[in-house]
N, C-alpha and C. Protein backbone atom coordinates (compact mmCIF):
# COMPACT_ATOMS: atom_id res chain seq x y z
N MET A 1 118.86 105.84 105.85
CA MET A 1 117.98 106.23 106.96
C MET A 1 117.17 105.01 107.41
N ASP A 2 117.38 104.61 108.63
CA ASP A 2 116.65 103.46 109.15
C ASP A 2 115.27 103.87 109.64
N VAL A 3 114.27 103.16 109.17
CA VAL A 3 112.91 103.45 109.58
C VAL A 3 112.46 102.31 110.49
N THR A 4 111.95 102.66 111.65
CA THR A 4 111.39 101.62 112.51
C THR A 4 109.92 101.89 112.70
N PHE A 5 109.18 100.82 112.77
CA PHE A 5 107.72 100.92 112.90
C PHE A 5 107.29 100.26 114.19
N ARG A 6 106.18 100.74 114.71
CA ARG A 6 105.57 100.12 115.89
C ARG A 6 104.23 99.53 115.47
N ILE A 7 103.72 98.62 116.28
CA ILE A 7 102.42 98.02 116.00
C ILE A 7 101.38 99.14 115.95
N GLY A 8 100.54 99.11 114.91
CA GLY A 8 99.52 100.14 114.72
C GLY A 8 99.95 101.22 113.73
N ASP A 9 101.26 101.31 113.46
CA ASP A 9 101.74 102.29 112.47
C ASP A 9 101.25 101.92 111.08
N LYS A 10 101.12 102.94 110.23
CA LYS A 10 100.81 102.70 108.82
C LYS A 10 102.12 102.85 108.05
N ALA A 11 102.31 101.98 107.09
CA ALA A 11 103.51 102.01 106.26
C ALA A 11 103.09 101.76 104.82
N VAL A 12 103.95 102.11 103.87
CA VAL A 12 103.64 101.89 102.46
C VAL A 12 104.57 100.80 101.93
N TYR A 13 103.96 99.75 101.39
CA TYR A 13 104.71 98.65 100.79
C TYR A 13 104.60 98.81 99.28
N PRO A 14 105.74 98.95 98.58
CA PRO A 14 105.71 99.23 97.13
C PRO A 14 104.79 98.30 96.35
N ALA A 15 104.02 98.89 95.44
CA ALA A 15 103.11 98.20 94.52
C ALA A 15 101.90 97.58 95.22
N HIS A 16 101.86 97.62 96.55
CA HIS A 16 100.68 97.09 97.26
C HIS A 16 99.94 98.19 98.01
N GLY A 17 100.64 99.26 98.35
CA GLY A 17 99.98 100.39 98.99
C GLY A 17 100.13 100.42 100.49
N VAL A 18 99.18 101.09 101.13
CA VAL A 18 99.25 101.32 102.57
C VAL A 18 98.94 100.04 103.33
N ALA A 19 99.76 99.80 104.33
CA ALA A 19 99.58 98.62 105.19
C ALA A 19 99.63 99.07 106.64
N GLU A 20 99.05 98.25 107.50
CA GLU A 20 99.16 98.51 108.93
C GLU A 20 100.10 97.48 109.52
N VAL A 21 100.98 97.94 110.40
CA VAL A 21 101.87 97.01 111.11
C VAL A 21 101.02 96.36 112.21
N THR A 22 100.73 95.07 112.03
CA THR A 22 99.85 94.39 112.99
C THR A 22 100.63 93.58 114.02
N GLY A 23 101.94 93.42 113.77
CA GLY A 23 102.73 92.68 114.73
C GLY A 23 104.21 92.76 114.41
N ILE A 24 105.01 92.41 115.41
CA ILE A 24 106.45 92.30 115.22
C ILE A 24 106.81 90.96 115.85
N GLU A 25 107.33 90.05 115.03
CA GLU A 25 107.61 88.70 115.51
C GLU A 25 109.05 88.31 115.25
N SER A 26 109.57 87.48 116.14
CA SER A 26 110.90 86.91 115.93
C SER A 26 110.74 85.43 115.62
N LYS A 27 111.48 84.98 114.64
CA LYS A 27 111.46 83.57 114.26
C LYS A 27 112.90 83.11 114.07
N GLU A 28 113.12 81.84 114.40
CA GLU A 28 114.45 81.28 114.17
C GLU A 28 114.42 80.53 112.84
N ILE A 29 115.30 80.93 111.94
CA ILE A 29 115.38 80.30 110.63
C ILE A 29 116.82 79.85 110.43
N SER A 30 116.99 78.56 110.21
CA SER A 30 118.34 77.96 110.03
C SER A 30 119.29 78.36 111.16
N GLY A 31 118.77 78.37 112.38
CA GLY A 31 119.60 78.66 113.54
C GLY A 31 119.87 80.13 113.79
N THR A 32 119.35 80.99 112.94
CA THR A 32 119.54 82.43 113.13
C THR A 32 118.20 83.08 113.46
N LYS A 33 118.23 83.97 114.44
CA LYS A 33 117.00 84.66 114.84
C LYS A 33 116.77 85.88 113.95
N HIS A 34 115.56 85.97 113.42
CA HIS A 34 115.18 87.10 112.57
C HIS A 34 113.93 87.75 113.13
N THR A 35 113.85 89.08 113.02
CA THR A 35 112.67 89.81 113.46
C THR A 35 111.93 90.30 112.22
N PHE A 36 110.61 90.15 112.24
CA PHE A 36 109.77 90.52 111.09
C PHE A 36 108.69 91.51 111.50
N TYR A 37 108.40 92.44 110.58
CA TYR A 37 107.18 93.24 110.71
C TYR A 37 106.08 92.42 110.04
N ILE A 38 104.95 92.32 110.70
CA ILE A 38 103.79 91.66 110.10
C ILE A 38 102.88 92.80 109.60
N LEU A 39 102.66 92.83 108.29
CA LEU A 39 101.86 93.90 107.68
C LEU A 39 100.55 93.35 107.15
N ARG A 40 99.51 94.16 107.26
CA ARG A 40 98.23 93.82 106.63
C ARG A 40 97.94 94.94 105.64
N ILE A 41 97.89 94.57 104.35
CA ILE A 41 97.60 95.55 103.30
C ILE A 41 96.15 96.00 103.48
N LEU A 42 95.93 97.31 103.60
CA LEU A 42 94.58 97.83 103.87
C LEU A 42 93.61 97.52 102.74
N ASP A 43 94.12 97.55 101.51
CA ASP A 43 93.26 97.39 100.35
C ASP A 43 92.62 96.01 100.26
N ASN A 44 93.40 94.95 100.55
CA ASN A 44 92.88 93.60 100.32
C ASN A 44 93.07 92.64 101.50
N GLY A 45 93.64 93.14 102.59
CA GLY A 45 93.80 92.30 103.77
C GLY A 45 94.97 91.32 103.70
N MET A 46 95.72 91.35 102.60
CA MET A 46 96.85 90.44 102.44
C MET A 46 97.85 90.65 103.58
N ARG A 47 98.44 89.54 104.05
CA ARG A 47 99.44 89.60 105.12
C ARG A 47 100.83 89.43 104.52
N ILE A 48 101.73 90.29 104.92
CA ILE A 48 103.11 90.23 104.42
C ILE A 48 104.05 90.30 105.62
N MET A 49 105.08 89.46 105.58
CA MET A 49 106.11 89.51 106.61
C MET A 49 107.36 90.11 105.99
N VAL A 50 107.88 91.17 106.60
CA VAL A 50 109.08 91.82 106.09
C VAL A 50 110.15 91.76 107.18
N PRO A 51 111.30 91.15 106.87
CA PRO A 51 112.38 91.15 107.86
C PRO A 51 112.77 92.59 108.20
N THR A 52 112.88 92.91 109.48
CA THR A 52 113.15 94.30 109.87
C THR A 52 114.46 94.79 109.26
N LYS A 53 115.41 93.89 109.04
CA LYS A 53 116.70 94.32 108.47
C LYS A 53 116.59 94.56 106.96
N ASN A 54 115.49 94.17 106.33
CA ASN A 54 115.32 94.36 104.88
C ASN A 54 114.35 95.48 104.53
N VAL A 55 113.97 96.28 105.51
CA VAL A 55 112.99 97.34 105.28
C VAL A 55 113.40 98.24 104.11
N ALA A 56 114.65 98.69 104.12
CA ALA A 56 115.12 99.58 103.05
C ALA A 56 115.17 98.84 101.71
N ALA A 57 115.62 97.60 101.74
CA ALA A 57 115.77 96.82 100.49
C ALA A 57 114.43 96.62 99.79
N VAL A 58 113.35 96.37 100.55
CA VAL A 58 112.05 96.15 99.92
C VAL A 58 111.32 97.47 99.66
N GLY A 59 111.83 98.56 100.22
CA GLY A 59 111.22 99.86 99.96
C GLY A 59 110.09 100.22 100.90
N LEU A 60 109.95 99.49 102.00
CA LEU A 60 108.91 99.83 102.97
C LEU A 60 109.22 101.20 103.54
N ARG A 61 108.22 102.06 103.58
CA ARG A 61 108.45 103.43 104.06
C ARG A 61 107.24 103.95 104.81
N ALA A 62 107.45 105.04 105.51
CA ALA A 62 106.36 105.69 106.24
C ALA A 62 105.43 106.38 105.24
N VAL A 63 104.19 106.59 105.64
CA VAL A 63 103.22 107.34 104.84
C VAL A 63 103.73 108.78 104.73
N VAL A 64 103.48 109.41 103.58
CA VAL A 64 103.97 110.77 103.37
C VAL A 64 103.43 111.74 104.42
N ASN A 65 104.23 112.79 104.69
CA ASN A 65 103.79 113.81 105.65
C ASN A 65 103.09 114.95 104.90
N LYS A 66 102.64 115.94 105.66
CA LYS A 66 101.83 117.03 105.09
C LYS A 66 102.56 117.79 103.98
N SER A 67 103.85 118.09 104.16
CA SER A 67 104.56 118.86 103.13
C SER A 67 104.73 118.02 101.87
N GLU A 68 104.92 116.71 102.05
CA GLU A 68 105.03 115.84 100.88
C GLU A 68 103.70 115.71 100.15
N VAL A 69 102.60 115.78 100.90
CA VAL A 69 101.27 115.73 100.28
C VAL A 69 101.11 116.91 99.32
N LYS A 70 101.58 118.09 99.75
CA LYS A 70 101.50 119.28 98.89
C LYS A 70 102.30 119.05 97.60
N GLU A 71 103.48 118.44 97.75
CA GLU A 71 104.34 118.15 96.60
C GLU A 71 103.64 117.19 95.63
N VAL A 72 102.93 116.20 96.17
CA VAL A 72 102.18 115.25 95.33
C VAL A 72 101.12 116.01 94.53
N TYR A 73 100.39 116.90 95.18
CA TYR A 73 99.36 117.67 94.47
C TYR A 73 99.99 118.58 93.41
N ASP A 74 101.17 119.13 93.70
CA ASP A 74 101.87 119.96 92.70
C ASP A 74 102.21 119.13 91.46
N ILE A 75 102.68 117.89 91.68
CA ILE A 75 102.99 116.99 90.56
C ILE A 75 101.73 116.72 89.75
N LEU A 76 100.63 116.44 90.45
CA LEU A 76 99.37 116.11 89.77
C LEU A 76 98.86 117.30 88.95
N LYS A 77 99.08 118.51 89.45
CA LYS A 77 98.57 119.71 88.76
C LYS A 77 99.47 120.14 87.62
N SER A 78 100.72 119.69 87.63
CA SER A 78 101.66 120.03 86.57
C SER A 78 101.15 119.44 85.26
N ARG A 79 101.42 120.09 84.16
CA ARG A 79 100.94 119.57 82.87
C ARG A 79 102.09 119.14 81.97
N GLU A 80 103.22 118.80 82.58
CA GLU A 80 104.36 118.33 81.81
C GLU A 80 104.36 116.81 81.80
N VAL A 81 103.92 116.22 80.72
CA VAL A 81 103.90 114.76 80.60
C VAL A 81 105.32 114.30 80.33
N SER A 82 105.78 113.32 81.12
CA SER A 82 107.20 112.93 81.05
C SER A 82 107.53 111.98 79.90
N VAL A 83 106.56 111.29 79.33
CA VAL A 83 106.89 110.30 78.30
C VAL A 83 106.09 110.51 77.02
N GLU A 84 105.87 111.74 76.68
CA GLU A 84 105.10 112.05 75.48
C GLU A 84 105.77 111.50 74.23
N GLY A 85 104.98 111.00 73.32
CA GLY A 85 105.50 110.56 72.04
C GLY A 85 106.15 109.19 72.03
N GLN A 86 106.16 108.51 73.17
CA GLN A 86 106.73 107.16 73.20
C GLN A 86 105.68 106.14 72.78
N THR A 87 106.16 104.98 72.33
CA THR A 87 105.21 103.90 72.01
C THR A 87 104.57 103.43 73.30
N TRP A 88 103.35 102.88 73.17
CA TRP A 88 102.61 102.51 74.38
C TRP A 88 103.36 101.48 75.22
N ASN A 89 104.09 100.53 74.57
CA ASN A 89 104.76 99.50 75.37
C ASN A 89 105.97 100.05 76.12
N ARG A 90 106.65 101.01 75.53
CA ARG A 90 107.77 101.66 76.24
C ARG A 90 107.22 102.47 77.41
N ARG A 91 106.12 103.20 77.16
CA ARG A 91 105.46 103.97 78.23
C ARG A 91 105.06 103.03 79.36
N TYR A 92 104.43 101.91 78.97
CA TYR A 92 103.94 100.95 79.95
C TYR A 92 105.08 100.46 80.84
N ARG A 93 106.20 100.09 80.22
CA ARG A 93 107.36 99.60 81.00
C ARG A 93 107.86 100.68 81.95
N GLU A 94 107.96 101.90 81.44
CA GLU A 94 108.45 103.01 82.28
C GLU A 94 107.52 103.26 83.46
N TYR A 95 106.21 103.26 83.19
CA TYR A 95 105.24 103.49 84.26
C TYR A 95 105.26 102.35 85.28
N MET A 96 105.43 101.11 84.79
CA MET A 96 105.49 99.95 85.69
C MET A 96 106.66 100.11 86.65
N GLU A 97 107.80 100.53 86.12
CA GLU A 97 108.99 100.74 86.96
C GLU A 97 108.71 101.80 88.02
N LYS A 98 108.04 102.87 87.63
CA LYS A 98 107.73 103.95 88.58
C LYS A 98 106.81 103.44 89.69
N ILE A 99 105.81 102.65 89.34
CA ILE A 99 104.89 102.13 90.35
C ILE A 99 105.63 101.20 91.30
N LYS A 100 106.52 100.37 90.74
CA LYS A 100 107.26 99.41 91.58
C LYS A 100 108.20 100.08 92.57
N THR A 101 108.62 101.32 92.29
CA THR A 101 109.51 102.00 93.24
C THR A 101 108.80 102.24 94.57
N GLY A 102 107.46 102.37 94.51
CA GLY A 102 106.72 102.66 95.74
C GLY A 102 106.75 104.14 96.10
N SER A 103 107.47 104.94 95.30
CA SER A 103 107.55 106.38 95.58
C SER A 103 106.21 107.04 95.25
N VAL A 104 105.66 107.75 96.22
CA VAL A 104 104.38 108.42 96.02
C VAL A 104 104.50 109.45 94.90
N PHE A 105 105.68 110.03 94.73
CA PHE A 105 105.88 111.05 93.70
C PHE A 105 105.89 110.42 92.30
N GLU A 106 106.54 109.26 92.19
CA GLU A 106 106.57 108.55 90.90
C GLU A 106 105.17 108.07 90.52
N ILE A 107 104.43 107.58 91.51
CA ILE A 107 103.06 107.10 91.27
C ILE A 107 102.18 108.28 90.85
N ALA A 108 102.40 109.43 91.47
CA ALA A 108 101.65 110.64 91.09
C ALA A 108 101.93 111.01 89.64
N GLU A 109 103.18 110.87 89.20
CA GLU A 109 103.53 111.16 87.80
C GLU A 109 102.80 110.21 86.85
N VAL A 110 102.73 108.94 87.21
CA VAL A 110 102.05 107.95 86.38
C VAL A 110 100.56 108.32 86.27
N LEU A 111 99.95 108.63 87.41
CA LEU A 111 98.53 109.00 87.41
C LEU A 111 98.30 110.24 86.56
N ARG A 112 99.15 111.24 86.74
CA ARG A 112 99.00 112.49 85.96
C ARG A 112 99.16 112.22 84.47
N ASP A 113 100.24 111.52 84.10
CA ASP A 113 100.51 111.30 82.68
C ASP A 113 99.39 110.52 82.02
N LEU A 114 98.94 109.43 82.67
CA LEU A 114 97.90 108.60 82.06
C LEU A 114 96.55 109.33 82.04
N SER A 115 96.28 110.13 83.07
CA SER A 115 95.02 110.88 83.10
C SER A 115 94.99 111.91 81.98
N LEU A 116 96.12 112.57 81.75
CA LEU A 116 96.18 113.56 80.68
C LEU A 116 96.12 112.89 79.31
N LEU A 117 96.81 111.77 79.20
CA LEU A 117 96.83 111.01 77.94
C LEU A 117 95.42 110.53 77.58
N LYS A 118 94.67 110.15 78.60
CA LYS A 118 93.31 109.64 78.41
C LYS A 118 92.40 110.68 77.75
N HIS A 119 92.70 111.97 78.00
CA HIS A 119 91.90 113.03 77.39
C HIS A 119 92.19 113.16 75.90
N ASP A 120 93.39 112.75 75.48
CA ASP A 120 93.80 112.87 74.08
C ASP A 120 93.45 111.64 73.24
N LYS A 121 93.52 110.46 73.87
CA LYS A 121 93.26 109.25 73.09
C LYS A 121 92.84 108.11 74.02
N ASP A 122 92.37 107.03 73.41
CA ASP A 122 91.99 105.86 74.20
C ASP A 122 93.23 105.17 74.73
N LEU A 123 93.19 104.80 76.00
CA LEU A 123 94.30 104.07 76.59
C LEU A 123 94.15 102.58 76.28
N SER A 124 95.28 101.89 76.19
CA SER A 124 95.22 100.43 76.01
C SER A 124 94.68 99.81 77.29
N PHE A 125 94.29 98.55 77.23
CA PHE A 125 93.77 97.85 78.41
C PHE A 125 94.79 97.91 79.55
N GLY A 126 96.06 97.65 79.23
CA GLY A 126 97.12 97.67 80.23
C GLY A 126 97.29 99.04 80.87
N GLU A 127 97.19 100.07 80.03
CA GLU A 127 97.32 101.44 80.55
C GLU A 127 96.15 101.80 81.45
N ARG A 128 94.94 101.35 81.07
CA ARG A 128 93.77 101.63 81.92
C ARG A 128 93.92 100.96 83.28
N LYS A 129 94.40 99.69 83.27
CA LYS A 129 94.63 98.98 84.53
C LYS A 129 95.68 99.70 85.37
N MET A 130 96.74 100.16 84.72
CA MET A 130 97.80 100.86 85.42
C MET A 130 97.30 102.18 86.00
N LEU A 131 96.46 102.88 85.24
CA LEU A 131 95.85 104.13 85.72
C LEU A 131 95.05 103.84 86.99
N ASP A 132 94.25 102.78 86.97
CA ASP A 132 93.46 102.40 88.15
C ASP A 132 94.36 102.05 89.33
N THR A 133 95.44 101.33 89.06
CA THR A 133 96.38 100.95 90.13
C THR A 133 97.01 102.18 90.75
N ALA A 134 97.50 103.08 89.89
CA ALA A 134 98.15 104.30 90.39
C ALA A 134 97.15 105.13 91.20
N ARG A 135 95.92 105.26 90.69
CA ARG A 135 94.90 106.04 91.39
C ARG A 135 94.61 105.41 92.76
N SER A 136 94.43 104.10 92.78
CA SER A 136 94.11 103.40 94.02
C SER A 136 95.22 103.57 95.05
N LEU A 137 96.48 103.36 94.63
CA LEU A 137 97.62 103.50 95.55
C LEU A 137 97.69 104.92 96.12
N LEU A 138 97.50 105.90 95.24
CA LEU A 138 97.59 107.30 95.65
C LEU A 138 96.43 107.70 96.57
N VAL A 139 95.23 107.29 96.21
CA VAL A 139 94.06 107.64 97.01
C VAL A 139 94.21 107.11 98.43
N LYS A 140 94.62 105.85 98.55
CA LYS A 140 94.77 105.24 99.88
C LYS A 140 95.81 105.99 100.72
N GLU A 141 96.96 106.26 100.11
CA GLU A 141 98.02 106.91 100.89
C GLU A 141 97.65 108.35 101.24
N LEU A 142 97.07 109.08 100.30
CA LEU A 142 96.69 110.47 100.59
C LEU A 142 95.59 110.53 101.64
N ALA A 143 94.66 109.57 101.60
CA ALA A 143 93.58 109.54 102.60
C ALA A 143 94.17 109.33 104.00
N VAL A 144 95.11 108.42 104.11
CA VAL A 144 95.75 108.17 105.42
C VAL A 144 96.58 109.38 105.84
N ALA A 145 97.35 109.93 104.90
CA ALA A 145 98.24 111.07 105.20
C ALA A 145 97.44 112.30 105.64
N LYS A 146 96.31 112.54 104.98
CA LYS A 146 95.52 113.74 105.27
C LYS A 146 94.44 113.51 106.32
N GLY A 147 94.22 112.23 106.66
CA GLY A 147 93.17 111.91 107.63
C GLY A 147 91.78 112.15 107.07
N HIS A 148 91.62 111.96 105.75
CA HIS A 148 90.33 112.14 105.09
C HIS A 148 89.79 110.80 104.62
N LYS A 149 88.52 110.79 104.27
CA LYS A 149 87.93 109.60 103.67
C LYS A 149 88.42 109.50 102.22
N GLU A 150 88.51 108.27 101.71
CA GLU A 150 88.99 108.06 100.34
C GLU A 150 88.12 108.78 99.32
N GLU A 151 86.81 108.84 99.57
CA GLU A 151 85.89 109.49 98.61
C GLU A 151 86.28 110.95 98.39
N LYS A 152 86.70 111.62 99.47
CA LYS A 152 87.08 113.03 99.37
C LYS A 152 88.33 113.17 98.48
N ILE A 153 89.28 112.27 98.65
CA ILE A 153 90.51 112.30 97.85
C ILE A 153 90.17 112.03 96.38
N VAL A 154 89.28 111.06 96.13
CA VAL A 154 88.85 110.75 94.76
C VAL A 154 88.27 112.00 94.11
N ARG A 155 87.41 112.72 94.84
CA ARG A 155 86.81 113.96 94.30
C ARG A 155 87.89 115.00 94.00
N GLU A 156 88.87 115.13 94.92
CA GLU A 156 89.96 116.11 94.69
C GLU A 156 90.74 115.76 93.42
N LEU A 157 91.02 114.47 93.22
CA LEU A 157 91.76 114.05 92.03
C LEU A 157 90.93 114.30 90.77
N GLU A 158 89.63 114.01 90.85
CA GLU A 158 88.76 114.25 89.68
C GLU A 158 88.76 115.72 89.31
N GLU A 159 88.73 116.60 90.31
CA GLU A 159 88.76 118.05 90.04
C GLU A 159 90.04 118.44 89.33
N ILE A 160 91.16 117.86 89.74
CA ILE A 160 92.45 118.19 89.12
C ILE A 160 92.45 117.81 87.64
N PHE A 161 91.86 116.63 87.33
CA PHE A 161 91.95 116.11 85.96
C PHE A 161 90.74 116.42 85.09
N THR A 162 89.82 117.23 85.61
CA THR A 162 88.71 117.66 84.76
C THR A 162 89.19 118.86 83.96
N CYS A 163 89.51 118.59 82.72
CA CYS A 163 90.10 119.65 81.86
C CYS A 163 89.03 120.52 81.25
């Protein structure tokens, strides 16, 4: 499925989160003309150029729609931890892979699993950082998808994980 973006559109860049398409530029590289999306990551202002023909390869995608938002909340409310009983380093690797996919559903699983795990035991430094990353990526995308302020999404997530 080919996704095309226009200037002003919001898109999700894996592991970096929601970005705004600030431009579309053509450049000649080694005699071949290439078109790029110019993205500005909302979280930190970083600028990224993505060749339009590589959108699928890098995992750039549109922000989730309303029905997908409901699915994300269903994942968060589920209490089935997917990697129970694994060593922390195996868990860490698995969660890192999920975050790198850029899939909002995979990121939701990481947030849910680590949030639930945190209630049972202390998380390692790496796991705490990953929990923060997953939360930040999810909050930003859900805020854009729902048209709410990030603080409201943070409160909704806290309510879900207050056991």
